[in-house]
Amino acid sequence: MQCVLEAGGSSAFTCSICFEDYASGDLMRVLPCAHRFHVTCIDRWLLTKVQRSDAGEALSCPLCNTALR
């Protein structure tokens, strides 16, 4: 799922991959476990994990290890 932080809004949350605060208009991806990341950060992290993993390893959230479906 992808969402945009609305203009004028603010969030005290920080992307746990790049450690940058979310800014107005940032695209965020919300995983099934409800953890949020910048789209570019989580997509790059997942792609790197897929490239390095064995074929049978499931993708999971980098924070809580919940499997992604």
N, C-alpha and C. Protein backbone atom coordinates (compact mmCIF):
# COMPACT_ATOMS: atom_id res chain seq x y z
N MET A 1 0.85 -1.17 0.00
CA MET A 1 0.00 0.00 0.00
C MET A 1 0.88 1.23 0.00
N GLN A 2 0.47 2.24 -0.71
CA GLN A 2 1.25 3.46 -0.82
C GLN A 2 0.37 4.63 -0.41
N CYS A 3 0.94 5.58 0.31
CA CYS A 3 0.18 6.77 0.69
C CYS A 3 1.09 7.98 0.62
N VAL A 4 0.49 9.14 0.63
CA VAL A 4 1.23 10.40 0.58
C VAL A 4 0.93 11.16 1.85
N LEU A 5 1.98 11.69 2.48
CA LEU A 5 1.78 12.55 3.63
C LEU A 5 1.22 13.87 3.11
N GLU A 6 0.05 14.22 3.56
CA GLU A 6 -0.66 15.36 2.99
C GLU A 6 0.03 16.68 3.29
N ALA A 7 -0.11 17.61 2.36
CA ALA A 7 0.47 18.94 2.51
C ALA A 7 -0.06 19.60 3.78
N GLY A 8 0.81 20.25 4.49
CA GLY A 8 0.41 20.92 5.71
C GLY A 8 0.40 20.00 6.91
N GLY A 9 0.42 18.72 6.68
CA GLY A 9 0.46 17.76 7.79
C GLY A 9 1.89 17.54 8.23
N SER A 10 2.03 16.98 9.38
CA SER A 10 3.37 16.66 9.84
C SER A 10 3.32 15.32 10.54
N SER A 11 4.43 14.72 10.68
CA SER A 11 4.50 13.42 11.32
C SER A 11 5.77 13.36 12.14
N ALA A 12 5.66 12.83 13.32
CA ALA A 12 6.85 12.66 14.17
C ALA A 12 7.58 11.38 13.82
N PHE A 13 7.07 10.63 12.84
CA PHE A 13 7.67 9.36 12.48
C PHE A 13 8.86 9.55 11.56
N THR A 14 9.79 8.66 11.68
CA THR A 14 11.01 8.67 10.90
C THR A 14 11.13 7.35 10.15
N CYS A 15 11.61 7.40 8.93
CA CYS A 15 11.85 6.18 8.16
C CYS A 15 12.98 5.41 8.84
N SER A 16 12.73 4.17 9.16
CA SER A 16 13.72 3.37 9.88
C SER A 16 14.82 2.84 8.98
N ILE A 17 14.74 3.11 7.71
CA ILE A 17 15.80 2.68 6.80
C ILE A 17 16.80 3.82 6.58
N CYS A 18 16.30 5.01 6.26
CA CYS A 18 17.20 6.14 6.00
C CYS A 18 17.33 7.09 7.20
N PHE A 19 16.49 6.92 8.20
CA PHE A 19 16.49 7.72 9.43
C PHE A 19 16.14 9.20 9.18
N GLU A 20 15.45 9.46 8.08
CA GLU A 20 14.97 10.81 7.78
C GLU A 20 13.53 10.95 8.22
N ASP A 21 13.17 12.12 8.74
CA ASP A 21 11.78 12.38 9.10
C ASP A 21 10.95 12.46 7.83
N TYR A 22 9.70 12.02 7.92
CA TYR A 22 8.79 12.15 6.80
C TYR A 22 8.43 13.62 6.65
N ALA A 23 8.39 14.09 5.40
CA ALA A 23 8.05 15.48 5.11
C ALA A 23 6.74 15.51 4.33
N SER A 24 6.11 16.65 4.32
CA SER A 24 4.87 16.82 3.58
C SER A 24 5.08 16.43 2.12
N GLY A 25 4.19 15.59 1.59
CA GLY A 25 4.26 15.16 0.21
C GLY A 25 5.09 13.91 -0.04
N ASP A 26 5.78 13.39 0.98
CA ASP A 26 6.57 12.17 0.82
C ASP A 26 5.67 10.98 0.51
N LEU A 27 6.12 10.13 -0.40
CA LEU A 27 5.42 8.88 -0.67
C LEU A 27 5.90 7.85 0.34
N MET A 28 4.93 7.21 1.01
CA MET A 28 5.26 6.20 2.00
C MET A 28 4.61 4.89 1.60
N ARG A 29 5.28 3.79 1.89
CA ARG A 29 4.69 2.48 1.68
C ARG A 29 4.36 1.92 3.06
N VAL A 30 3.12 1.45 3.22
CA VAL A 30 2.67 0.86 4.48
C VAL A 30 2.61 -0.65 4.27
N LEU A 31 3.40 -1.38 5.04
CA LEU A 31 3.43 -2.83 4.93
C LEU A 31 2.24 -3.44 5.67
N PRO A 32 1.92 -4.71 5.44
CA PRO A 32 0.78 -5.34 6.12
C PRO A 32 0.87 -5.28 7.65
N CYS A 33 2.07 -5.17 8.20
CA CYS A 33 2.25 -5.07 9.65
C CYS A 33 2.04 -3.64 10.15
N ALA A 34 1.75 -2.71 9.25
CA ALA A 34 1.48 -1.30 9.52
C ALA A 34 2.74 -0.46 9.70
N HIS A 35 3.93 -1.01 9.50
CA HIS A 35 5.14 -0.19 9.53
C HIS A 35 5.22 0.60 8.23
N ARG A 36 5.69 1.84 8.34
CA ARG A 36 5.76 2.75 7.19
C ARG A 36 7.21 3.07 6.86
N PHE A 37 7.47 3.22 5.57
CA PHE A 37 8.80 3.56 5.08
C PHE A 37 8.64 4.44 3.85
N HIS A 38 9.67 5.24 3.53
CA HIS A 38 9.66 5.92 2.23
C HIS A 38 9.60 4.84 1.16
N VAL A 39 8.86 5.08 0.10
CA VAL A 39 8.71 4.10 -0.98
C VAL A 39 10.07 3.70 -1.53
N THR A 40 10.91 4.69 -1.83
CA THR A 40 12.22 4.37 -2.42
C THR A 40 13.10 3.57 -1.46
N CYS A 41 13.01 3.85 -0.18
CA CYS A 41 13.83 3.14 0.81
C CYS A 41 13.43 1.67 0.92
N ILE A 42 12.15 1.40 1.11
CA ILE A 42 11.71 0.02 1.31
C ILE A 42 11.81 -0.78 0.02
N ASP A 43 11.54 -0.15 -1.13
CA ASP A 43 11.66 -0.87 -2.39
C ASP A 43 13.11 -1.28 -2.64
N ARG A 44 14.04 -0.38 -2.38
CA ARG A 44 15.46 -0.70 -2.55
C ARG A 44 15.89 -1.79 -1.57
N TRP A 45 15.41 -1.71 -0.32
CA TRP A 45 15.76 -2.71 0.70
C TRP A 45 15.24 -4.09 0.29
N LEU A 46 13.98 -4.14 -0.15
CA LEU A 46 13.38 -5.42 -0.55
C LEU A 46 14.08 -5.99 -1.79
N LEU A 47 14.39 -5.15 -2.76
CA LEU A 47 15.07 -5.61 -3.96
C LEU A 47 16.44 -6.18 -3.62
N THR A 48 17.17 -5.52 -2.74
CA THR A 48 18.48 -6.01 -2.31
C THR A 48 18.34 -7.35 -1.60
N LYS A 49 17.31 -7.48 -0.76
CA LYS A 49 17.10 -8.74 -0.05
C LYS A 49 16.77 -9.87 -1.02
N VAL A 50 15.95 -9.59 -2.03
CA VAL A 50 15.60 -10.60 -3.02
C VAL A 50 16.85 -11.05 -3.77
N GLN A 51 17.69 -10.12 -4.15
CA GLN A 51 18.89 -10.44 -4.91
C GLN A 51 19.89 -11.27 -4.09
N ARG A 52 19.92 -11.07 -2.77
CA ARG A 52 20.89 -11.76 -1.93
C ARG A 52 20.35 -13.06 -1.32
N SER A 53 19.05 -13.25 -1.33
CA SER A 53 18.46 -14.39 -0.62
C SER A 53 18.40 -15.63 -1.49
N ASP A 54 18.19 -16.74 -0.82
CA ASP A 54 17.92 -17.99 -1.52
C ASP A 54 16.51 -17.88 -2.11
N ALA A 55 16.25 -18.65 -3.13
CA ALA A 55 14.97 -18.58 -3.84
C ALA A 55 13.77 -18.82 -2.92
N GLY A 56 13.92 -19.63 -1.89
CA GLY A 56 12.79 -19.99 -1.04
C GLY A 56 12.54 -19.07 0.14
N GLU A 57 13.40 -18.10 0.37
CA GLU A 57 13.26 -17.23 1.53
C GLU A 57 12.16 -16.19 1.30
N ALA A 58 11.26 -16.06 2.27
CA ALA A 58 10.17 -15.11 2.16
C ALA A 58 10.65 -13.70 2.52
N LEU A 59 10.08 -12.70 1.87
CA LEU A 59 10.38 -11.32 2.23
C LEU A 59 9.66 -10.97 3.51
N SER A 60 10.28 -10.10 4.30
CA SER A 60 9.67 -9.73 5.58
C SER A 60 9.99 -8.27 5.89
N CYS A 61 9.23 -7.72 6.83
CA CYS A 61 9.42 -6.34 7.29
C CYS A 61 10.80 -6.23 7.95
N PRO A 62 11.56 -5.18 7.64
CA PRO A 62 12.87 -5.03 8.27
C PRO A 62 12.81 -4.72 9.77
N LEU A 63 11.65 -4.31 10.27
CA LEU A 63 11.54 -3.99 11.70
C LEU A 63 11.05 -5.15 12.54
N CYS A 64 9.99 -5.81 12.09
CA CYS A 64 9.36 -6.84 12.94
C CYS A 64 9.45 -8.24 12.37
N ASN A 65 10.01 -8.36 11.17
CA ASN A 65 10.19 -9.66 10.52
C ASN A 65 8.88 -10.35 10.12
N THR A 66 7.77 -9.62 10.10
CA THR A 66 6.51 -10.18 9.63
C THR A 66 6.61 -10.45 8.14
N ALA A 67 6.22 -11.65 7.73
CA ALA A 67 6.29 -12.01 6.31
C ALA A 67 5.37 -11.14 5.48
N LEU A 68 5.83 -10.74 4.30
CA LEU A 68 5.03 -9.96 3.37
C LEU A 68 4.35 -10.91 2.42
N ARG A 69 3.12 -10.66 2.11
CA ARG A 69 2.36 -11.55 1.23
C ARG A 69 2.24 -10.96 -0.14
